[in-house]
Amino acid sequence: MSNHDHESEHHHHHHHHDEEHEHGAGEMPMSEKLKKIVSHWIKHNADHADTYRQWAQRARDAGMAEVAQILETVAEESQSINGDLEKAGKLLEEKY
């Protein structure tokens, strides 16, 4: 079980990855910023998908099959989103 289970409250961390900061001459190129943030989003979505699956199993074990199915669908959709993010990351690597 990961430490990202959200058993009570959802303590979501918000990142501000320098979108709003001025850096001057040493500023990271946009392509590098995007590569980093896309990579982060892929990991973050995968972590959430794992959590949705864990809770789907818990719901199934508690006799809530319909809820479990919805959570499984959400996990699958998260993985689908990651497929698109991976395409963006690949394009960034190959083209920019």
N, C-alpha and C. Protein backbone atom coordinates (compact mmCIF):
# COMPACT_ATOMS: atom_id res chain seq x y z
N MET A 1 0.85 -1.18 0.00
CA MET A 1 0.00 0.00 0.00
C MET A 1 0.89 1.24 0.00
N SER A 2 0.62 2.15 -0.89
CA SER A 2 1.46 3.35 -0.97
C SER A 2 1.02 4.37 0.07
N ASN A 3 1.86 5.37 0.27
CA ASN A 3 1.52 6.43 1.19
C ASN A 3 0.62 7.46 0.51
N HIS A 4 0.12 7.12 -0.66
CA HIS A 4 -0.72 8.04 -1.45
C HIS A 4 -2.14 7.50 -1.52
N ASP A 5 -2.60 6.86 -0.42
CA ASP A 5 -3.89 6.17 -0.43
C ASP A 5 -5.09 7.07 -0.21
N HIS A 6 -4.89 8.20 0.39
CA HIS A 6 -5.99 9.14 0.60
C HIS A 6 -7.10 8.51 1.45
N GLU A 7 -6.74 7.83 2.54
CA GLU A 7 -7.75 7.13 3.32
C GLU A 7 -8.73 8.07 4.00
N SER A 8 -8.31 9.23 4.45
CA SER A 8 -9.27 10.13 5.08
C SER A 8 -9.53 11.32 4.17
N GLU A 9 -8.71 12.32 4.28
CA GLU A 9 -8.88 13.49 3.44
C GLU A 9 -7.94 13.41 2.26
N HIS A 10 -8.25 14.15 1.24
CA HIS A 10 -7.37 14.22 0.07
C HIS A 10 -6.45 15.40 0.27
N HIS A 11 -5.21 15.12 0.63
CA HIS A 11 -4.20 16.16 0.83
C HIS A 11 -3.42 16.28 -0.46
N HIS A 12 -4.00 16.93 -1.43
CA HIS A 12 -3.37 17.03 -2.74
C HIS A 12 -2.32 18.12 -2.72
N HIS A 13 -1.19 17.80 -3.28
CA HIS A 13 -0.12 18.78 -3.37
C HIS A 13 -0.22 19.48 -4.71
N HIS A 14 -0.02 20.77 -4.68
CA HIS A 14 -0.09 21.56 -5.90
C HIS A 14 1.31 22.02 -6.25
N HIS A 15 1.63 21.88 -7.49
CA HIS A 15 2.95 22.28 -7.97
C HIS A 15 2.82 23.51 -8.85
N HIS A 16 3.80 24.36 -8.77
CA HIS A 16 3.78 25.57 -9.57
C HIS A 16 5.02 25.66 -10.45
N HIS A 17 5.64 24.62 -10.77
CA HIS A 17 6.77 24.45 -11.68
C HIS A 17 7.18 25.67 -12.49
N ASP A 18 7.40 26.77 -11.85
CA ASP A 18 7.99 27.96 -12.44
C ASP A 18 7.17 28.59 -13.56
N GLU A 19 5.89 28.26 -13.68
CA GLU A 19 5.11 28.86 -14.75
C GLU A 19 5.00 30.38 -14.58
N GLU A 20 5.01 30.84 -13.36
CA GLU A 20 4.70 32.24 -13.12
C GLU A 20 5.92 33.04 -12.67
N HIS A 21 7.09 32.46 -12.74
CA HIS A 21 8.27 33.13 -12.23
C HIS A 21 9.15 33.63 -13.37
N GLU A 22 9.73 34.78 -13.16
CA GLU A 22 10.70 35.31 -14.11
C GLU A 22 12.07 34.78 -13.74
N HIS A 23 12.82 34.31 -14.73
CA HIS A 23 14.14 33.76 -14.44
C HIS A 23 15.26 34.49 -15.15
N GLY A 24 14.97 35.33 -16.11
CA GLY A 24 16.03 36.07 -16.78
C GLY A 24 16.84 35.19 -17.69
N ALA A 25 18.14 35.48 -17.78
CA ALA A 25 19.03 34.85 -18.76
C ALA A 25 19.14 33.34 -18.59
N GLY A 26 19.04 32.83 -17.36
CA GLY A 26 19.23 31.40 -17.13
C GLY A 26 17.94 30.60 -17.22
N GLU A 27 16.91 31.15 -17.81
CA GLU A 27 15.61 30.48 -17.86
C GLU A 27 15.68 29.19 -18.66
N MET A 28 15.03 28.16 -18.14
CA MET A 28 14.96 26.86 -18.81
C MET A 28 14.10 27.00 -20.06
N PRO A 29 14.53 26.44 -21.18
CA PRO A 29 13.71 26.51 -22.40
C PRO A 29 12.35 25.83 -22.19
N MET A 30 11.33 26.33 -22.89
CA MET A 30 9.98 25.80 -22.75
C MET A 30 9.95 24.30 -23.03
N SER A 31 10.71 23.84 -24.01
CA SER A 31 10.70 22.40 -24.32
C SER A 31 11.18 21.58 -23.13
N GLU A 32 12.18 22.07 -22.41
CA GLU A 32 12.67 21.35 -21.23
C GLU A 32 11.65 21.40 -20.10
N LYS A 33 11.01 22.54 -19.92
CA LYS A 33 9.96 22.64 -18.90
C LYS A 33 8.86 21.63 -19.20
N LEU A 34 8.44 21.59 -20.47
CA LEU A 34 7.36 20.67 -20.84
C LEU A 34 7.78 19.22 -20.65
N LYS A 35 9.01 18.87 -21.00
CA LYS A 35 9.49 17.49 -20.81
C LYS A 35 9.39 17.11 -19.34
N LYS A 36 9.81 18.00 -18.47
CA LYS A 36 9.78 17.72 -17.03
C LYS A 36 8.36 17.60 -16.50
N ILE A 37 7.50 18.53 -16.89
CA ILE A 37 6.14 18.51 -16.34
C ILE A 37 5.34 17.34 -16.90
N VAL A 38 5.53 17.00 -18.17
CA VAL A 38 4.83 15.86 -18.74
C VAL A 38 5.26 14.57 -18.04
N SER A 39 6.56 14.44 -17.80
CA SER A 39 7.06 13.27 -17.07
C SER A 39 6.44 13.19 -15.67
N HIS A 40 6.35 14.32 -15.01
CA HIS A 40 5.74 14.38 -13.68
C HIS A 40 4.27 13.96 -13.74
N TRP A 41 3.54 14.49 -14.72
CA TRP A 41 2.12 14.15 -14.84
C TRP A 41 1.90 12.67 -15.08
N ILE A 42 2.77 12.06 -15.88
CA ILE A 42 2.65 10.62 -16.15
C ILE A 42 2.78 9.83 -14.86
N LYS A 43 3.78 10.14 -14.07
CA LYS A 43 3.99 9.45 -12.79
C LYS A 43 2.82 9.71 -11.84
N HIS A 44 2.40 10.95 -11.78
CA HIS A 44 1.31 11.33 -10.87
C HIS A 44 0.01 10.60 -11.25
N ASN A 45 -0.31 10.58 -12.54
CA ASN A 45 -1.52 9.88 -12.99
C ASN A 45 -1.43 8.38 -12.72
N ALA A 46 -0.26 7.80 -12.92
CA ALA A 46 -0.08 6.36 -12.66
C ALA A 46 -0.30 6.07 -11.17
N ASP A 47 0.22 6.94 -10.31
CA ASP A 47 0.00 6.77 -8.87
C ASP A 47 -1.49 6.82 -8.54
N HIS A 48 -2.18 7.77 -9.13
CA HIS A 48 -3.61 7.87 -8.88
C HIS A 48 -4.36 6.65 -9.42
N ALA A 49 -3.99 6.18 -10.60
CA ALA A 49 -4.64 5.00 -11.17
C ALA A 49 -4.49 3.80 -10.22
N ASP A 50 -3.29 3.64 -9.65
CA ASP A 50 -3.07 2.55 -8.69
C ASP A 50 -4.00 2.70 -7.48
N THR A 51 -4.14 3.93 -7.00
CA THR A 51 -5.01 4.19 -5.85
C THR A 51 -6.47 3.88 -6.20
N TYR A 52 -6.91 4.29 -7.40
CA TYR A 52 -8.29 3.99 -7.81
C TYR A 52 -8.53 2.48 -7.83
N ARG A 53 -7.54 1.73 -8.32
CA ARG A 53 -7.68 0.27 -8.37
C ARG A 53 -7.74 -0.33 -6.97
N GLN A 54 -6.93 0.18 -6.07
CA GLN A 54 -6.96 -0.32 -4.68
C GLN A 54 -8.33 -0.08 -4.06
N TRP A 55 -8.87 1.10 -4.27
CA TRP A 55 -10.19 1.40 -3.71
C TRP A 55 -11.29 0.65 -4.43
N ALA A 56 -11.11 0.37 -5.70
CA ALA A 56 -12.09 -0.45 -6.42
C ALA A 56 -12.16 -1.83 -5.78
N GLN A 57 -10.99 -2.39 -5.45
CA GLN A 57 -10.97 -3.71 -4.82
C GLN A 57 -11.63 -3.66 -3.44
N ARG A 58 -11.35 -2.60 -2.70
CA ARG A 58 -11.98 -2.45 -1.37
C ARG A 58 -13.50 -2.35 -1.51
N ALA A 59 -13.95 -1.59 -2.51
CA ALA A 59 -15.40 -1.46 -2.73
C ALA A 59 -15.99 -2.81 -3.12
N ARG A 60 -15.30 -3.55 -3.99
CA ARG A 60 -15.77 -4.87 -4.40
C ARG A 60 -15.86 -5.80 -3.19
N ASP A 61 -14.82 -5.78 -2.36
CA ASP A 61 -14.80 -6.63 -1.15
C ASP A 61 -15.94 -6.27 -0.19
N ALA A 62 -16.39 -5.01 -0.23
CA ALA A 62 -17.47 -4.55 0.65
C ALA A 62 -18.84 -4.72 0.00
N GLY A 63 -18.88 -5.40 -1.14
CA GLY A 63 -20.15 -5.66 -1.79
C GLY A 63 -20.68 -4.51 -2.64
N MET A 64 -19.80 -3.60 -3.01
CA MET A 64 -20.21 -2.45 -3.83
C MET A 64 -19.65 -2.59 -5.24
N ALA A 65 -20.14 -3.60 -5.95
CA ALA A 65 -19.62 -3.92 -7.27
C ALA A 65 -19.77 -2.78 -8.27
N GLU A 66 -20.89 -2.07 -8.21
CA GLU A 66 -21.10 -0.97 -9.16
C GLU A 66 -20.10 0.16 -8.94
N VAL A 67 -19.85 0.47 -7.69
CA VAL A 67 -18.85 1.50 -7.36
C VAL A 67 -17.47 1.02 -7.82
N ALA A 68 -17.17 -0.22 -7.54
CA ALA A 68 -15.88 -0.79 -7.94
C ALA A 68 -15.68 -0.67 -9.44
N GLN A 69 -16.71 -0.96 -10.22
CA GLN A 69 -16.60 -0.89 -11.67
C GLN A 69 -16.31 0.53 -12.14
N ILE A 70 -16.98 1.50 -11.51
CA ILE A 70 -16.74 2.90 -11.86
C ILE A 70 -15.29 3.28 -11.56
N LEU A 71 -14.80 2.88 -10.40
CA LEU A 71 -13.41 3.20 -10.05
C LEU A 71 -12.42 2.53 -10.98
N GLU A 72 -12.73 1.30 -11.41
CA GLU A 72 -11.87 0.63 -12.39
C GLU A 72 -11.85 1.40 -13.71
N THR A 73 -13.01 1.90 -14.11
CA THR A 73 -13.09 2.69 -15.34
C THR A 73 -12.27 3.97 -15.22
N VAL A 74 -12.35 4.63 -14.07
CA VAL A 74 -11.56 5.84 -13.84
C VAL A 74 -10.06 5.51 -13.94
N ALA A 75 -9.66 4.38 -13.37
CA ALA A 75 -8.25 3.97 -13.44
C ALA A 75 -7.84 3.75 -14.90
N GLU A 76 -8.70 3.09 -15.67
CA GLU A 76 -8.40 2.84 -17.09
C GLU A 76 -8.29 4.16 -17.86
N GLU A 77 -9.19 5.09 -17.57
CA GLU A 77 -9.16 6.38 -18.25
C GLU A 77 -7.89 7.16 -17.88
N SER A 78 -7.44 7.03 -16.63
CA SER A 78 -6.19 7.68 -16.22
C SER A 78 -5.02 7.12 -17.03
N GLN A 79 -5.02 5.81 -17.23
CA GLN A 79 -3.95 5.20 -18.02
C GLN A 79 -4.04 5.63 -19.48
N SER A 80 -5.25 5.81 -19.99
CA SER A 80 -5.43 6.30 -21.36
C SER A 80 -4.87 7.71 -21.50
N ILE A 81 -5.14 8.54 -20.52
CA ILE A 81 -4.58 9.90 -20.51
C ILE A 81 -3.06 9.82 -20.53
N ASN A 82 -2.50 8.89 -19.78
CA ASN A 82 -1.05 8.74 -19.77
C ASN A 82 -0.53 8.37 -21.16
N GLY A 83 -1.29 7.59 -21.91
CA GLY A 83 -0.88 7.27 -23.27
C GLY A 83 -0.72 8.54 -24.10
N ASP A 84 -1.67 9.46 -23.96
CA ASP A 84 -1.57 10.73 -24.68
C ASP A 84 -0.40 11.57 -24.17
N LEU A 85 -0.20 11.58 -22.86
CA LEU A 85 0.94 12.32 -22.31
C LEU A 85 2.26 11.72 -22.80
N GLU A 86 2.33 10.39 -22.91
CA GLU A 86 3.54 9.75 -23.42
C GLU A 86 3.79 10.15 -24.87
N LYS A 87 2.72 10.27 -25.67
CA LYS A 87 2.86 10.75 -27.05
C LYS A 87 3.43 12.16 -27.07
N ALA A 88 2.93 13.01 -26.18
CA ALA A 88 3.45 14.39 -26.10
C ALA A 88 4.92 14.37 -25.70
N GLY A 89 5.27 13.54 -24.73
CA GLY A 89 6.66 13.44 -24.30
C GLY A 89 7.57 12.96 -25.42
N LYS A 90 7.11 11.98 -26.17
CA LYS A 90 7.90 11.46 -27.28
C LYS A 90 8.10 12.54 -28.35
N LEU A 91 7.04 13.27 -28.65
CA LEU A 91 7.13 14.35 -29.62
C LEU A 91 8.11 15.42 -29.15
N LEU A 92 8.05 15.75 -27.88
CA LEU A 92 9.00 16.72 -27.32
C LEU A 92 10.43 16.24 -27.48
N GLU A 93 10.66 14.96 -27.22
CA GLU A 93 12.03 14.41 -27.33
C GLU A 93 12.50 14.40 -28.79
N GLU A 94 11.62 14.04 -29.70
CA GLU A 94 12.02 13.87 -31.09
C GLU A 94 12.09 15.17 -31.87
N LYS A 95 11.26 16.12 -31.52
CA LYS A 95 11.09 17.30 -32.36
C LYS A 95 11.61 18.59 -31.73
N TYR A 96 11.67 18.64 -30.40
CA TYR A 96 12.02 19.90 -29.76
C TYR A 96 13.23 19.72 -28.91
